Amino acid sequence: MRPRRDYETARLIDESIKLMQSQGTYRAARMLCEAGVRLDTAYRVLRRPEQRRIYGEAILH
């Protein structure tokens, strides 16, 4: 998988995964959709966070 080049999207994905852990998948998916991420993409990212693309050389935390 190719690295993510968009820092803001990478940060948004990282924040949504943290939100999912504390408030559930629905809230995290809603946050992503409100930011313009398609619903199917949001659920894919949230179901498999270990497979998310990295930004540059490191996953944001």
PDB file of N, CA and C in Angstrom:
ATOM      1  N   MET A   1       0.849  -1.176   0.000  1.00  0.00           N
ATOM      2  CA  MET A   1       0.000   0.000   0.000  1.00  0.00           C
ATOM      3  C   MET A   1       0.893   1.238   0.000  1.00  0.00           C
ATOM      4  N   ARG A   2       0.522   2.204  -0.794  1.00  0.00           N
ATOM      5  CA  ARG A   2       1.349   3.408  -0.895  1.00  0.00           C
ATOM      6  C   ARG A   2       1.119   4.330   0.302  1.00  0.00           C
ATOM      7  N   PRO A   3       2.137   5.071   0.705  1.00  0.00           N
ATOM      8  CA  PRO A   3       1.992   5.989   1.842  1.00  0.00           C
ATOM      9  C   PRO A   3       1.013   7.117   1.537  1.00  0.00           C
ATOM     10  N   ARG A   4       0.372   7.586   2.559  1.00  0.00           N
ATOM     11  CA  ARG A   4      -0.545   8.728   2.429  1.00  0.00           C
ATOM     12  C   ARG A   4       0.288  10.001   2.339  1.00  0.00           C
ATOM     13  N   ARG A   5      -0.069  10.891   1.400  1.00  0.00           N
ATOM     14  CA  ARG A   5       0.674  12.141   1.228  1.00  0.00           C
ATOM     15  C   ARG A   5      -0.022  13.323   1.878  1.00  0.00           C
ATOM     16  N   ASP A   6      -1.246  13.160   2.279  1.00  0.00           N
ATOM     17  CA  ASP A   6      -2.040  14.247   2.833  1.00  0.00           C
ATOM     18  C   ASP A   6      -2.009  14.181   4.366  1.00  0.00           C
ATOM     19  N   TYR A   7      -1.260  15.073   4.988  1.00  0.00           N
ATOM     20  CA  TYR A   7      -1.102  15.069   6.441  1.00  0.00           C
ATOM     21  C   TYR A   7      -2.428  15.253   7.166  1.00  0.00           C
ATOM     22  N   GLU A   8      -3.266  16.152   6.688  1.00  0.00           N
ATOM     23  CA  GLU A   8      -4.537  16.425   7.369  1.00  0.00           C
ATOM     24  C   GLU A   8      -5.441  15.196   7.377  1.00  0.00           C
ATOM     25  N   THR A   9      -5.513  14.484   6.262  1.00  0.00           N
ATOM     26  CA  THR A   9      -6.330  13.273   6.219  1.00  0.00           C
ATOM     27  C   THR A   9      -5.736  12.204   7.120  1.00  0.00           C
ATOM     28  N   ALA A  10      -4.431  12.070   7.122  1.00  0.00           N
ATOM     29  CA  ALA A  10      -3.779  11.098   7.996  1.00  0.00           C
ATOM     30  C   ALA A  10      -4.099  11.397   9.457  1.00  0.00           C
ATOM     31  N   ARG A  11      -4.062  12.666   9.821  1.00  0.00           N
ATOM     32  CA  ARG A  11      -4.379  13.059  11.199  1.00  0.00           C
ATOM     33  C   ARG A  11      -5.846  12.792  11.521  1.00  0.00           C
ATOM     34  N   LEU A  12      -6.732  13.067  10.583  1.00  0.00           N
ATOM     35  CA  LEU A  12      -8.154  12.810  10.770  1.00  0.00           C
ATOM     36  C   LEU A  12      -8.419  11.319  10.989  1.00  0.00           C
ATOM     37  N   ILE A  13      -7.784  10.473  10.207  1.00  0.00           N
ATOM     38  CA  ILE A  13      -7.949   9.026  10.357  1.00  0.00           C
ATOM     39  C   ILE A  13      -7.467   8.590  11.732  1.00  0.00           C
ATOM     40  N   ASP A  14      -6.322   9.088  12.144  1.00  0.00           N
ATOM     41  CA  ASP A  14      -5.779   8.736  13.457  1.00  0.00           C
ATOM     42  C   ASP A  14      -6.738   9.172  14.571  1.00  0.00           C
ATOM     43  N   GLU A  15      -7.282  10.374  14.468  1.00  0.00           N
ATOM     44  CA  GLU A  15      -8.232  10.866  15.471  1.00  0.00           C
ATOM     45  C   GLU A  15      -9.505  10.028  15.483  1.00  0.00           C
ATOM     46  N   SER A  16      -9.968   9.610  14.312  1.00  0.00           N
ATOM     47  CA  SER A  16     -11.196   8.818  14.256  1.00  0.00           C
ATOM     48  C   SER A  16     -11.006   7.450  14.895  1.00  0.00           C
ATOM     49  N   ILE A  17      -9.838   6.874  14.761  1.00  0.00           N
ATOM     50  CA  ILE A  17      -9.570   5.577  15.385  1.00  0.00           C
ATOM     51  C   ILE A  17      -9.555   5.722  16.904  1.00  0.00           C
ATOM     52  N   LYS A  18      -8.975   6.789  17.405  1.00  0.00           N
ATOM     53  CA  LYS A  18      -9.003   7.039  18.853  1.00  0.00           C
ATOM     54  C   LYS A  18     -10.431   7.265  19.333  1.00  0.00           C
ATOM     55  N   LEU A  19     -11.215   8.018  18.564  1.00  0.00           N
ATOM     56  CA  LEU A  19     -12.611   8.266  18.919  1.00  0.00           C
ATOM     57  C   LEU A  19     -13.397   6.961  18.935  1.00  0.00           C
ATOM     58  N   MET A  20     -13.156   6.092  17.982  1.00  0.00           N
ATOM     59  CA  MET A  20     -13.841   4.808  17.924  1.00  0.00           C
ATOM     60  C   MET A  20     -13.583   3.999  19.193  1.00  0.00           C
ATOM     61  N   GLN A  21     -12.374   4.035  19.685  1.00  0.00           N
ATOM     62  CA  GLN A  21     -12.024   3.274  20.878  1.00  0.00           C
ATOM     63  C   GLN A  21     -12.735   3.788  22.117  1.00  0.00           C
ATOM     64  N   SER A  22     -13.043   5.078  22.157  1.00  0.00           N
ATOM     65  CA  SER A  22     -13.695   5.636  23.346  1.00  0.00           C
ATOM     66  C   SER A  22     -15.200   5.819  23.189  1.00  0.00           C
ATOM     67  N   GLN A  23     -15.681   6.072  21.954  1.00  0.00           N
ATOM     68  CA  GLN A  23     -17.099   6.382  21.778  1.00  0.00           C
ATOM     69  C   GLN A  23     -17.815   5.496  20.771  1.00  0.00           C
ATOM     70  N   GLY A  24     -17.105   4.574  20.157  1.00  0.00           N
ATOM     71  CA  GLY A  24     -17.749   3.630  19.253  1.00  0.00           C
ATOM     72  C   GLY A  24     -17.569   3.949  17.777  1.00  0.00           C
ATOM     73  N   THR A  25     -17.868   2.940  16.982  1.00  0.00           N
ATOM     74  CA  THR A  25     -17.678   3.022  15.543  1.00  0.00           C
ATOM     75  C   THR A  25     -18.596   4.049  14.894  1.00  0.00           C
ATOM     76  N   TYR A  26     -19.849   4.111  15.342  1.00  0.00           N
ATOM     77  CA  TYR A  26     -20.797   5.043  14.729  1.00  0.00           C
ATOM     78  C   TYR A  26     -20.291   6.479  14.820  1.00  0.00           C
ATOM     79  N   ARG A  27     -19.858   6.887  16.016  1.00  0.00           N
ATOM     80  CA  ARG A  27     -19.376   8.270  16.200  1.00  0.00           C
ATOM     81  C   ARG A  27     -18.149   8.546  15.332  1.00  0.00           C
ATOM     82  N   ALA A  28     -17.243   7.575  15.276  1.00  0.00           N
ATOM     83  CA  ALA A  28     -16.031   7.757  14.479  1.00  0.00           C
ATOM     84  C   ALA A  28     -16.358   7.834  12.986  1.00  0.00           C
ATOM     85  N   ALA A  29     -17.255   6.973  12.521  1.00  0.00           N
ATOM     86  CA  ALA A  29     -17.649   6.997  11.110  1.00  0.00           C
ATOM     87  C   ALA A  29     -18.358   8.303  10.775  1.00  0.00           C
ATOM     88  N   ARG A  30     -19.185   8.762  11.686  1.00  0.00           N
ATOM     89  CA  ARG A  30     -19.891  10.029  11.454  1.00  0.00           C
ATOM     90  C   ARG A  30     -18.900  11.189  11.336  1.00  0.00           C
ATOM     91  N   MET A  31     -17.884  11.203  12.203  1.00  0.00           N
ATOM     92  CA  MET A  31     -16.876  12.256  12.143  1.00  0.00           C
ATOM     93  C   MET A  31     -16.176  12.252  10.779  1.00  0.00           C
ATOM     94  N   LEU A  32     -15.821  11.065  10.300  1.00  0.00           N
ATOM     95  CA  LEU A  32     -15.150  10.974   9.006  1.00  0.00           C
ATOM     96  C   LEU A  32     -16.068  11.431   7.873  1.00  0.00           C
ATOM     97  N   CYS A  33     -17.318  11.005   7.917  1.00  0.00           N
ATOM     98  CA  CYS A  33     -18.270  11.393   6.863  1.00  0.00           C
ATOM     99  C   CYS A  33     -18.497  12.897   6.850  1.00  0.00           C
ATOM    100  N   GLU A  34     -18.575  13.497   8.018  1.00  0.00           N
ATOM    101  CA  GLU A  34     -18.753  14.949   8.091  1.00  0.00           C
ATOM    102  C   GLU A  34     -17.541  15.694   7.538  1.00  0.00           C
ATOM    103  N   ALA A  35     -16.401  15.015   7.515  1.00  0.00           N
ATOM    104  CA  ALA A  35     -15.183  15.616   6.961  1.00  0.00           C
ATOM    105  C   ALA A  35     -15.024  15.298   5.471  1.00  0.00           C
ATOM    106  N   GLY A  36     -16.019  14.610   4.893  1.00  0.00           N
ATOM    107  CA  GLY A  36     -15.981  14.347   3.462  1.00  0.00           C
ATOM    108  C   GLY A  36     -15.515  12.968   3.044  1.00  0.00           C
ATOM    109  N   VAL A  37     -15.313  12.071   4.004  1.00  0.00           N
ATOM    110  CA  VAL A  37     -14.901  10.706   3.684  1.00  0.00           C
ATOM    111  C   VAL A  37     -16.156   9.894   3.371  1.00  0.00           C
ATOM    112  N   ARG A  38     -16.116   9.113   2.309  1.00  0.00           N
ATOM    113  CA  ARG A  38     -17.267   8.275   1.958  1.00  0.00           C
ATOM    114  C   ARG A  38     -17.524   7.255   3.061  1.00  0.00           C
ATOM    115  N   LEU A  39     -18.790   6.908   3.273  1.00  0.00           N
ATOM    116  CA  LEU A  39     -19.166   5.992   4.349  1.00  0.00           C
ATOM    117  C   LEU A  39     -18.487   4.635   4.211  1.00  0.00           C
ATOM    118  N   ASP A  40     -18.453   4.070   3.018  1.00  0.00           N
ATOM    119  CA  ASP A  40     -17.816   2.764   2.852  1.00  0.00           C
ATOM    120  C   ASP A  40     -16.324   2.829   3.170  1.00  0.00           C
ATOM    121  N   THR A  41     -15.690   3.920   2.824  1.00  0.00           N
ATOM    122  CA  THR A  41     -14.274   4.104   3.140  1.00  0.00           C
ATOM    123  C   THR A  41     -14.078   4.263   4.641  1.00  0.00           C
ATOM    124  N   ALA A  42     -14.943   5.029   5.281  1.00  0.00           N
ATOM    125  CA  ALA A  42     -14.846   5.234   6.730  1.00  0.00           C
ATOM    126  C   ALA A  42     -14.940   3.908   7.470  1.00  0.00           C
ATOM    127  N   TYR A  43     -15.921   3.087   7.126  1.00  0.00           N
ATOM    128  CA  TYR A  43     -16.069   1.801   7.810  1.00  0.00           C
ATOM    129  C   TYR A  43     -14.902   0.866   7.522  1.00  0.00           C
ATOM    130  N   ARG A  44     -14.371   0.895   6.310  1.00  0.00           N
ATOM    131  CA  ARG A  44     -13.213   0.049   5.999  1.00  0.00           C
ATOM    132  C   ARG A  44     -12.023   0.436   6.867  1.00  0.00           C
ATOM    133  N   VAL A  45     -11.766   1.720   6.968  1.00  0.00           N
ATOM    134  CA  VAL A  45     -10.646   2.208   7.774  1.00  0.00           C
ATOM    135  C   VAL A  45     -10.844   1.849   9.247  1.00  0.00           C
ATOM    136  N   LEU A  46     -12.062   1.998   9.737  1.00  0.00           N
ATOM    137  CA  LEU A  46     -12.324   1.753  11.153  1.00  0.00           C
ATOM    138  C   LEU A  46     -12.348   0.264  11.496  1.00  0.00           C
ATOM    139  N   ARG A  47     -12.746  -0.574  10.562  1.00  0.00           N
ATOM    140  CA  ARG A  47     -12.762  -2.016  10.824  1.00  0.00           C
ATOM    141  C   ARG A  47     -11.366  -2.606  10.820  1.00  0.00           C
ATOM    142  N   ARG A  48     -10.454  -1.998  10.079  1.00  0.00           N
ATOM    143  CA  ARG A  48      -9.093  -2.535   9.957  1.00  0.00           C
ATOM    144  C   ARG A  48      -8.052  -1.445  10.194  1.00  0.00           C
ATOM    145  N   PRO A  49      -8.015  -0.878  11.387  1.00  0.00           N
ATOM    146  CA  PRO A  49      -7.078   0.236  11.628  1.00  0.00           C
ATOM    147  C   PRO A  49      -5.614  -0.153  11.458  1.00  0.00           C
ATOM    148  N   GLU A  50      -5.292  -1.417  11.667  1.00  0.00           N
ATOM    149  CA  GLU A  50      -3.899  -1.848  11.528  1.00  0.00           C
ATOM    150  C   GLU A  50      -3.449  -1.834  10.069  1.00  0.00           C
ATOM    151  N   GLN A  51      -4.385  -1.744   9.137  1.00  0.00           N
ATOM    152  CA  GLN A  51      -4.038  -1.724   7.716  1.00  0.00           C
ATOM    153  C   GLN A  51      -4.094  -0.325   7.114  1.00  0.00           C
ATOM    154  N   ARG A  52      -4.275   0.690   7.942  1.00  0.00           N
ATOM    155  CA  ARG A  52      -4.376   2.038   7.383  1.00  0.00           C
ATOM    156  C   ARG A  52      -3.049   2.468   6.771  1.00  0.00           C
ATOM    157  N   ARG A  53      -3.167   3.350   5.802  1.00  0.00           N
ATOM    158  CA  ARG A  53      -1.955   3.862   5.162  1.00  0.00           C
ATOM    159  C   ARG A  53      -1.205   4.740   6.143  1.00  0.00           C
ATOM    160  N   ILE A  54       0.085   4.779   5.980  1.00  0.00           N
ATOM    161  CA  ILE A  54       0.906   5.616   6.845  1.00  0.00           C
ATOM    162  C   ILE A  54       1.146   6.956   6.168  1.00  0.00           C
ATOM    163  N   TYR A  55       1.526   7.930   6.960  1.00  0.00           N
ATOM    164  CA  TYR A  55       1.889   9.241   6.428  1.00  0.00           C
ATOM    165  C   TYR A  55       3.400   9.314   6.456  1.00  0.00           C
ATOM    166  N   GLY A  56       4.018   9.388   5.306  1.00  0.00           N
ATOM    167  CA  GLY A  56       5.478   9.435   5.244  1.00  0.00           C
ATOM    168  C   GLY A  56       6.062   8.127   5.740  1.00  0.00           C
ATOM    169  N   GLU A  57       6.878   8.205   6.747  1.00  0.00           N
ATOM    170  CA  GLU A  57       7.556   7.023   7.263  1.00  0.00           C
ATOM    171  C   GLU A  57       6.946   6.474   8.541  1.00  0.00           C
ATOM    172  N   ALA A  58       5.959   7.142   9.100  1.00  0.00           N
ATOM    173  CA  ALA A  58       5.436   6.690  10.388  1.00  0.00           C
ATOM    174  C   ALA A  58       3.931   6.890  10.471  1.00  0.00           C
ATOM    175  N   ILE A  59       3.281   6.009  11.205  1.00  0.00           N
ATOM    176  CA  ILE A  59       1.868   6.175  11.511  1.00  0.00           C
ATOM    177  C   ILE A  59       1.767   7.273  12.554  1.00  0.00           C
ATOM    178  N   LEU A  60       0.829   8.167  12.391  1.00  0.00           N
ATOM    179  CA  LEU A  60       0.637   9.246  13.369  1.00  0.00           C
ATOM    180  C   LEU A  60      -0.013   8.684  14.621  1.00  0.00           C
ATOM    181  N   HIS A  61       0.397   9.161  15.756  1.00  0.00           N
ATOM    182  CA  HIS A  61      -0.225   8.742  17.035  1.00  0.00           C
ATOM    183  C   HIS A  61      -0.461   9.944  17.890  1.00  0.00           C
TER     184      HIS A  61
END
